[in-house]
Amino acid sequence: CRYAGIRATYLQTVRALARVTEIGGYVETGHSARVSRLAVAIGRELGMPEAALLELEYAALMHDIGQLSLRDPIPGGATVLVAREEQRRIAEYGAEVIQQARVLDSVADIVRRQSDPCRPVDRSQPPPLSSRIIRAANAYDDLVGSSTDPARAAEAVARLRLDTAAEYDPAVVDALGNLVLPAA
């Protein structure tokens, strides 16, 4: 019971921290929560264990905290539209902020690697599954936002599928498609 209380307090703290980017005008209202819900759903679809899903939820909520380092916000907070180096810098800064808590190091690592392509060009280790999930869920939400238009959802998934050669994990994009697209 005590563990559940600590977990609830952590989650409330993480959610409050995630809202800073919304309040500051760096991302669209609700973006972090939408990315988090979608990321956890994708993780469940892929069979991730509960402990990994909790880390994924924390990381997804705080995935854009690094945008606070920007002098000028990205229009709509859509990091999918900026250069990879800028994405990497935002992710690195966000990971540094998270590491300051000294209890969420694995979450910081997930956030740090979220800007890495699925298949790194330098043949380094691919990012962890949680990072690949956040990358796809964030890109999807950057493209769709709070829209409920099925055509817009289909266009976003199609765009991500075009980029699965290197940028996005095909299994993650397939799971995302299963969740957001109507069954054929």
C-alpha atoms as a PDB file:
ATOM      1  CA  CYS A   1       0.000   0.000   0.000  1.00  0.00           C
ATOM      2  CA  ARG A   2       2.897   2.344   0.815  1.00  0.00           C
ATOM      3  CA  TYR A   3       4.448   1.580  -2.589  1.00  0.00           C
ATOM      4  CA  ALA A   4       1.198   2.558  -4.308  1.00  0.00           C
ATOM      5  CA  GLY A   5       1.221   5.887  -2.449  1.00  0.00           C
ATOM      6  CA  ILE A   6       4.811   6.608  -3.461  1.00  0.00           C
ATOM      7  CA  ARG A   7       4.011   5.649  -7.068  1.00  0.00           C
ATOM      8  CA  ALA A   8       0.983   7.977  -7.094  1.00  0.00           C
ATOM      9  CA  THR A   9       3.065  10.839  -5.690  1.00  0.00           C
ATOM     10  CA  TYR A  10       5.774  10.281  -8.317  1.00  0.00           C
ATOM     11  CA  LEU A  11       3.198  10.237 -11.079  1.00  0.00           C
ATOM     12  CA  GLN A  12       1.572  13.464  -9.831  1.00  0.00           C
ATOM     13  CA  THR A  13       4.989  15.133  -9.673  1.00  0.00           C
ATOM     14  CA  VAL A  14       5.925  13.941 -13.153  1.00  0.00           C
ATOM     15  CA  ARG A  15       2.573  15.122 -14.571  1.00  0.00           C
ATOM     16  CA  ALA A  16       3.042  18.548 -12.982  1.00  0.00           C
ATOM     17  CA  LEU A  17       6.567  18.816 -14.392  1.00  0.00           C
ATOM     18  CA  ALA A  18       5.304  17.783 -17.832  1.00  0.00           C
ATOM     19  CA  ARG A  19       2.708  20.585 -17.771  1.00  0.00           C
ATOM     20  CA  VAL A  20       5.462  23.211 -17.511  1.00  0.00           C
ATOM     21  CA  THR A  21       6.076  22.912 -21.265  1.00  0.00           C
ATOM     22  CA  GLU A  22       2.368  23.462 -21.942  1.00  0.00           C
ATOM     23  CA  ILE A  23       2.036  26.402 -19.562  1.00  0.00           C
ATOM     24  CA  GLY A  24       5.158  27.978 -21.058  1.00  0.00           C
ATOM     25  CA  GLY A  25       3.710  27.683 -24.573  1.00  0.00           C
ATOM     26  CA  TYR A  26       6.335  25.195 -25.769  1.00  0.00           C
ATOM     27  CA  VAL A  27       3.854  22.453 -26.687  1.00  0.00           C
ATOM     28  CA  GLU A  28       0.156  22.212 -27.458  1.00  0.00           C
ATOM     29  CA  THR A  29      -2.100  21.752 -24.443  1.00  0.00           C
ATOM     30  CA  GLY A  30      -2.571  18.060 -23.722  1.00  0.00           C
ATOM     31  CA  HIS A  31       0.377  16.940 -25.873  1.00  0.00           C
ATOM     32  CA  SER A  32       2.360  15.232 -23.100  1.00  0.00           C
ATOM     33  CA  ALA A  33      -0.689  13.407 -21.762  1.00  0.00           C
ATOM     34  CA  ARG A  34      -1.707  12.244 -25.259  1.00  0.00           C
ATOM     35  CA  VAL A  35       1.830  11.036 -26.045  1.00  0.00           C
ATOM     36  CA  SER A  36       1.967   9.251 -22.691  1.00  0.00           C
ATOM     37  CA  ARG A  37      -1.396   7.499 -23.154  1.00  0.00           C
ATOM     38  CA  LEU A  38      -0.514   6.447 -26.691  1.00  0.00           C
ATOM     39  CA  ALA A  39       2.997   5.310 -25.727  1.00  0.00           C
ATOM     40  CA  VAL A  40       1.687   3.141 -22.882  1.00  0.00           C
ATOM     41  CA  ALA A  41      -0.982   1.677 -25.181  1.00  0.00           C
ATOM     42  CA  ILE A  42       1.703   0.860 -27.778  1.00  0.00           C
ATOM     43  CA  GLY A  43       3.862  -0.685 -25.050  1.00  0.00           C
ATOM     44  CA  ARG A  44       0.936  -2.859 -23.937  1.00  0.00           C
ATOM     45  CA  GLU A  45       0.252  -3.828 -27.556  1.00  0.00           C
ATOM     46  CA  LEU A  46       3.893  -4.936 -27.811  1.00  0.00           C
ATOM     47  CA  GLY A  47       3.692  -6.921 -24.560  1.00  0.00           C
ATOM     48  CA  MET A  48       5.923  -4.804 -22.319  1.00  0.00           C
ATOM     49  CA  PRO A  49       5.876  -5.721 -18.605  1.00  0.00           C
ATOM     50  CA  GLU A  50       4.170  -3.396 -16.093  1.00  0.00           C
ATOM     51  CA  ALA A  51       7.427  -2.047 -14.621  1.00  0.00           C
ATOM     52  CA  ALA A  52       8.637  -1.044 -18.095  1.00  0.00           C
ATOM     53  CA  LEU A  53       5.247   0.521 -18.850  1.00  0.00           C
ATOM     54  CA  LEU A  54       5.550   2.708 -15.749  1.00  0.00           C
ATOM     55  CA  GLU A  55       8.996   3.946 -16.826  1.00  0.00           C
ATOM     56  CA  LEU A  56       7.604   4.491 -20.323  1.00  0.00           C
ATOM     57  CA  GLU A  57       4.735   6.544 -18.899  1.00  0.00           C
ATOM     58  CA  TYR A  58       7.114   8.758 -16.900  1.00  0.00           C
ATOM     59  CA  ALA A  59       9.446   9.230 -19.872  1.00  0.00           C
ATOM     60  CA  ALA A  60       6.592   9.959 -22.275  1.00  0.00           C
ATOM     61  CA  LEU A  61       5.141  12.565 -19.935  1.00  0.00           C
ATOM     62  CA  MET A  62       8.509  14.328 -19.686  1.00  0.00           C
ATOM     63  CA  HIS A  63       9.762  13.718 -23.229  1.00  0.00           C
ATOM     64  CA  ASP A  64       9.558  17.426 -24.173  1.00  0.00           C
ATOM     65  CA  ILE A  65      10.955  18.941 -20.970  1.00  0.00           C
ATOM     66  CA  GLY A  66      14.142  19.756 -22.908  1.00  0.00           C
ATOM     67  CA  GLN A  67      12.194  22.277 -24.983  1.00  0.00           C
ATOM     68  CA  LEU A  68      12.508  24.633 -22.015  1.00  0.00           C
ATOM     69  CA  SER A  69      16.101  25.176 -23.180  1.00  0.00           C
ATOM     70  CA  LEU A  70      14.898  26.829 -26.393  1.00  0.00           C
ATOM     71  CA  ARG A  71      15.013  30.584 -26.692  1.00  0.00           C
ATOM     72  CA  ASP A  72      12.022  30.519 -29.034  1.00  0.00           C
ATOM     73  CA  PRO A  73       9.449  27.720 -28.900  1.00  0.00           C
ATOM     74  CA  ILE A  74       9.048  25.473 -31.932  1.00  0.00           C
ATOM     75  CA  PRO A  75       5.708  26.333 -33.594  1.00  0.00           C
ATOM     76  CA  GLY A  76       3.158  24.054 -31.951  1.00  0.00           C
ATOM     77  CA  GLY A  77       6.000  22.280 -30.136  1.00  0.00           C
ATOM     78  CA  ALA A  78       6.293  19.880 -33.086  1.00  0.00           C
ATOM     79  CA  THR A  79       9.802  18.473 -32.686  1.00  0.00           C
ATOM     80  CA  VAL A  80       9.130  16.134 -35.606  1.00  0.00           C
ATOM     81  CA  LEU A  81       9.532  19.216 -37.824  1.00  0.00           C
ATOM     82  CA  VAL A  82      13.004  20.281 -36.618  1.00  0.00           C
ATOM     83  CA  ALA A  83      16.443  19.011 -37.605  1.00  0.00           C
ATOM     84  CA  ARG A  84      17.774  15.886 -35.930  1.00  0.00           C
ATOM     85  CA  GLU A  85      20.544  17.841 -34.169  1.00  0.00           C
ATOM     86  CA  GLU A  86      17.946  20.114 -32.574  1.00  0.00           C
ATOM     87  CA  GLN A  87      15.885  17.070 -31.571  1.00  0.00           C
ATOM     88  CA  ARG A  88      19.003  15.509 -30.038  1.00  0.00           C
ATOM     89  CA  ARG A  89      19.851  18.679 -28.110  1.00  0.00           C
ATOM     90  CA  ILE A  90      16.307  18.925 -26.725  1.00  0.00           C
ATOM     91  CA  ALA A  91      16.373  15.244 -25.693  1.00  0.00           C
ATOM     92  CA  GLU A  92      19.795  15.607 -24.043  1.00  0.00           C
ATOM     93  CA  TYR A  93      18.750  18.677 -22.079  1.00  0.00           C
ATOM     94  CA  GLY A  94      15.547  16.953 -20.981  1.00  0.00           C
ATOM     95  CA  ALA A  95      17.517  13.927 -19.795  1.00  0.00           C
ATOM     96  CA  GLU A  96      19.826  16.180 -17.803  1.00  0.00           C
ATOM     97  CA  VAL A  97      16.850  17.821 -16.083  1.00  0.00           C
ATOM     98  CA  ILE A  98      15.344  14.427 -15.230  1.00  0.00           C
ATOM     99  CA  GLN A  99      18.677  13.129 -13.895  1.00  0.00           C
ATOM    100  CA  GLN A 100      18.708  15.934 -11.348  1.00  0.00           C
ATOM    101  CA  ALA A 101      15.974  14.044  -9.472  1.00  0.00           C
ATOM    102  CA  ARG A 102      18.530  11.222  -8.934  1.00  0.00           C
ATOM    103  CA  VAL A 103      15.791   8.606  -8.823  1.00  0.00           C
ATOM    104  CA  LEU A 104      14.717   8.415 -12.456  1.00  0.00           C
ATOM    105  CA  ASP A 105      17.997   7.574 -14.223  1.00  0.00           C
ATOM    106  CA  SER A 106      16.418   4.920 -16.449  1.00  0.00           C
ATOM    107  CA  VAL A 107      13.710   7.426 -17.430  1.00  0.00           C
ATOM    108  CA  ALA A 108      16.418   9.974 -18.265  1.00  0.00           C
ATOM    109  CA  ASP A 109      18.103   7.414 -20.526  1.00  0.00           C
ATOM    110  CA  ILE A 110      14.815   6.743 -22.330  1.00  0.00           C
ATOM    111  CA  VAL A 111      14.306  10.485 -22.897  1.00  0.00           C
ATOM    112  CA  ARG A 112      17.934  10.929 -23.996  1.00  0.00           C
ATOM    113  CA  ARG A 113      17.603   8.265 -26.715  1.00  0.00           C
ATOM    114  CA  GLN A 114      14.126   9.284 -27.994  1.00  0.00           C
ATOM    115  CA  SER A 115      15.600  11.381 -30.800  1.00  0.00           C
ATOM    116  CA  ASP A 116      17.795   8.543 -32.072  1.00  0.00           C
ATOM    117  CA  PRO A 117      16.655   6.909 -35.294  1.00  0.00           C
ATOM    118  CA  CYS A 118      15.550   3.280 -35.104  1.00  0.00           C
ATOM    119  CA  ARG A 119      18.534   2.212 -37.193  1.00  0.00           C
ATOM    120  CA  PRO A 120      21.480   4.464 -36.301  1.00  0.00           C
ATOM    121  CA  VAL A 121      23.659   5.393 -39.286  1.00  0.00           C
ATOM    122  CA  ASP A 122      26.828   4.950 -37.227  1.00  0.00           C
ATOM    123  CA  ARG A 123      25.879   1.333 -36.446  1.00  0.00           C
ATOM    124  CA  SER A 124      25.709   2.059 -32.730  1.00  0.00           C
ATOM    125  CA  GLN A 125      23.177   0.295 -30.540  1.00  0.00           C
ATOM    126  CA  PRO A 126      19.590   1.070 -31.521  1.00  0.00           C
ATOM    127  CA  PRO A 127      17.642   3.021 -28.920  1.00  0.00           C
ATOM    128  CA  PRO A 128      15.690   1.077 -26.290  1.00  0.00           C
ATOM    129  CA  LEU A 129      12.151   0.039 -27.166  1.00  0.00           C
ATOM    130  CA  SER A 130      10.683   2.694 -24.847  1.00  0.00           C
ATOM    131  CA  SER A 131      12.625   5.424 -26.675  1.00  0.00           C
ATOM    132  CA  ARG A 132      11.463   4.093 -30.049  1.00  0.00           C
ATOM    133  CA  ILE A 133       7.865   4.068 -28.810  1.00  0.00           C
ATOM    134  CA  ILE A 134       8.072   7.679 -27.576  1.00  0.00           C
ATOM    135  CA  ARG A 135       9.662   8.758 -30.868  1.00  0.00           C
ATOM    136  CA  ALA A 136       6.724   7.355 -32.857  1.00  0.00           C
ATOM    137  CA  ALA A 137       3.990   8.441 -30.415  1.00  0.00           C
ATOM    138  CA  ASN A 138       5.418  11.969 -30.278  1.00  0.00           C
ATOM    139  CA  ALA A 139       5.712  12.235 -34.068  1.00  0.00           C
ATOM    140  CA  TYR A 140       2.152  10.973 -34.443  1.00  0.00           C
ATOM    141  CA  ASP A 141       0.819  13.530 -31.959  1.00  0.00           C
ATOM    142  CA  ASP A 142       2.897  16.309 -33.544  1.00  0.00           C
ATOM    143  CA  LEU A 143       1.155  15.511 -36.835  1.00  0.00           C
ATOM    144  CA  VAL A 144      -2.366  14.867 -35.509  1.00  0.00           C
ATOM    145  CA  GLY A 145      -2.615  16.792 -32.233  1.00  0.00           C
ATOM    146  CA  SER A 146      -6.023  16.699 -30.621  1.00  0.00           C
ATOM    147  CA  SER A 147      -7.780  16.068 -33.956  1.00  0.00           C
ATOM    148  CA  THR A 148     -10.147  13.110 -34.132  1.00  0.00           C
ATOM    149  CA  ASP A 149     -10.244  13.130 -37.947  1.00  0.00           C
ATOM    150  CA  PRO A 150      -9.630   9.532 -39.123  1.00  0.00           C
ATOM    151  CA  ALA A 151      -8.143  10.777 -42.406  1.00  0.00           C
ATOM    152  CA  ARG A 152      -5.572  12.850 -40.523  1.00  0.00           C
ATOM    153  CA  ALA A 153      -4.687   9.825 -38.360  1.00  0.00           C
ATOM    154  CA  ALA A 154      -4.295   7.659 -41.468  1.00  0.00           C
ATOM    155  CA  GLU A 155      -2.060  10.280 -43.132  1.00  0.00           C
ATOM    156  CA  ALA A 156       0.148  10.499 -40.027  1.00  0.00           C
ATOM    157  CA  VAL A 157       0.560   6.720 -39.764  1.00  0.00           C
ATOM    158  CA  ALA A 158       1.300   6.525 -43.503  1.00  0.00           C
ATOM    159  CA  ARG A 159       3.977   9.214 -43.107  1.00  0.00           C
ATOM    160  CA  LEU A 160       5.591   7.323 -40.231  1.00  0.00           C
ATOM    161  CA  ARG A 161       5.493   4.092 -42.253  1.00  0.00           C
ATOM    162  CA  LEU A 162       7.357   5.854 -45.073  1.00  0.00           C
ATOM    163  CA  ASP A 163      10.089   6.708 -42.585  1.00  0.00           C
ATOM    164  CA  THR A 164      10.387   3.226 -41.054  1.00  0.00           C
ATOM    165  CA  ALA A 165      13.435   2.433 -43.167  1.00  0.00           C
ATOM    166  CA  ALA A 166      15.615   4.231 -40.626  1.00  0.00           C
ATOM    167  CA  GLU A 167      13.668   6.622 -38.433  1.00  0.00           C
ATOM    168  CA  TYR A 168      10.874   4.610 -36.846  1.00  0.00           C
ATOM    169  CA  ASP A 169      10.645   1.018 -35.639  1.00  0.00           C
ATOM    170  CA  PRO A 170       8.251  -0.815 -38.006  1.00  0.00           C
ATOM    171  CA  ALA A 171       6.810  -2.942 -35.163  1.00  0.00           C
ATOM    172  CA  VAL A 172       6.102   0.204 -33.143  1.00  0.00           C
ATOM    173  CA  VAL A 173       4.442   1.949 -36.102  1.00  0.00           C
ATOM    174  CA  ASP A 174       2.361  -1.179 -36.794  1.00  0.00           C
ATOM    175  CA  ALA A 175       1.227  -1.255 -33.151  1.00  0.00           C
ATOM    176  CA  LEU A 176       0.416   2.454 -33.334  1.00  0.00           C
ATOM    177  CA  GLY A 177      -1.593   1.871 -36.505  1.00  0.00           C
ATOM    178  CA  ASN A 178      -3.519  -0.969 -34.815  1.00  0.00           C
ATOM    179  CA  LEU A 179      -4.496   1.449 -32.040  1.00  0.00           C
ATOM    180  CA  VAL A 180      -5.426   4.581 -33.976  1.00  0.00           C
ATOM    181  CA  LEU A 181      -6.735   3.334 -37.322  1.00  0.00           C
ATOM    182  CA  PRO A 182     -10.166   1.768 -37.786  1.00  0.00           C
ATOM    183  CA  ALA A 183     -10.059  -1.976 -38.448  1.00  0.00           C
ATOM    184  CA  ALA A 184     -10.239  -2.763 -42.158  1.00  0.00           C
END
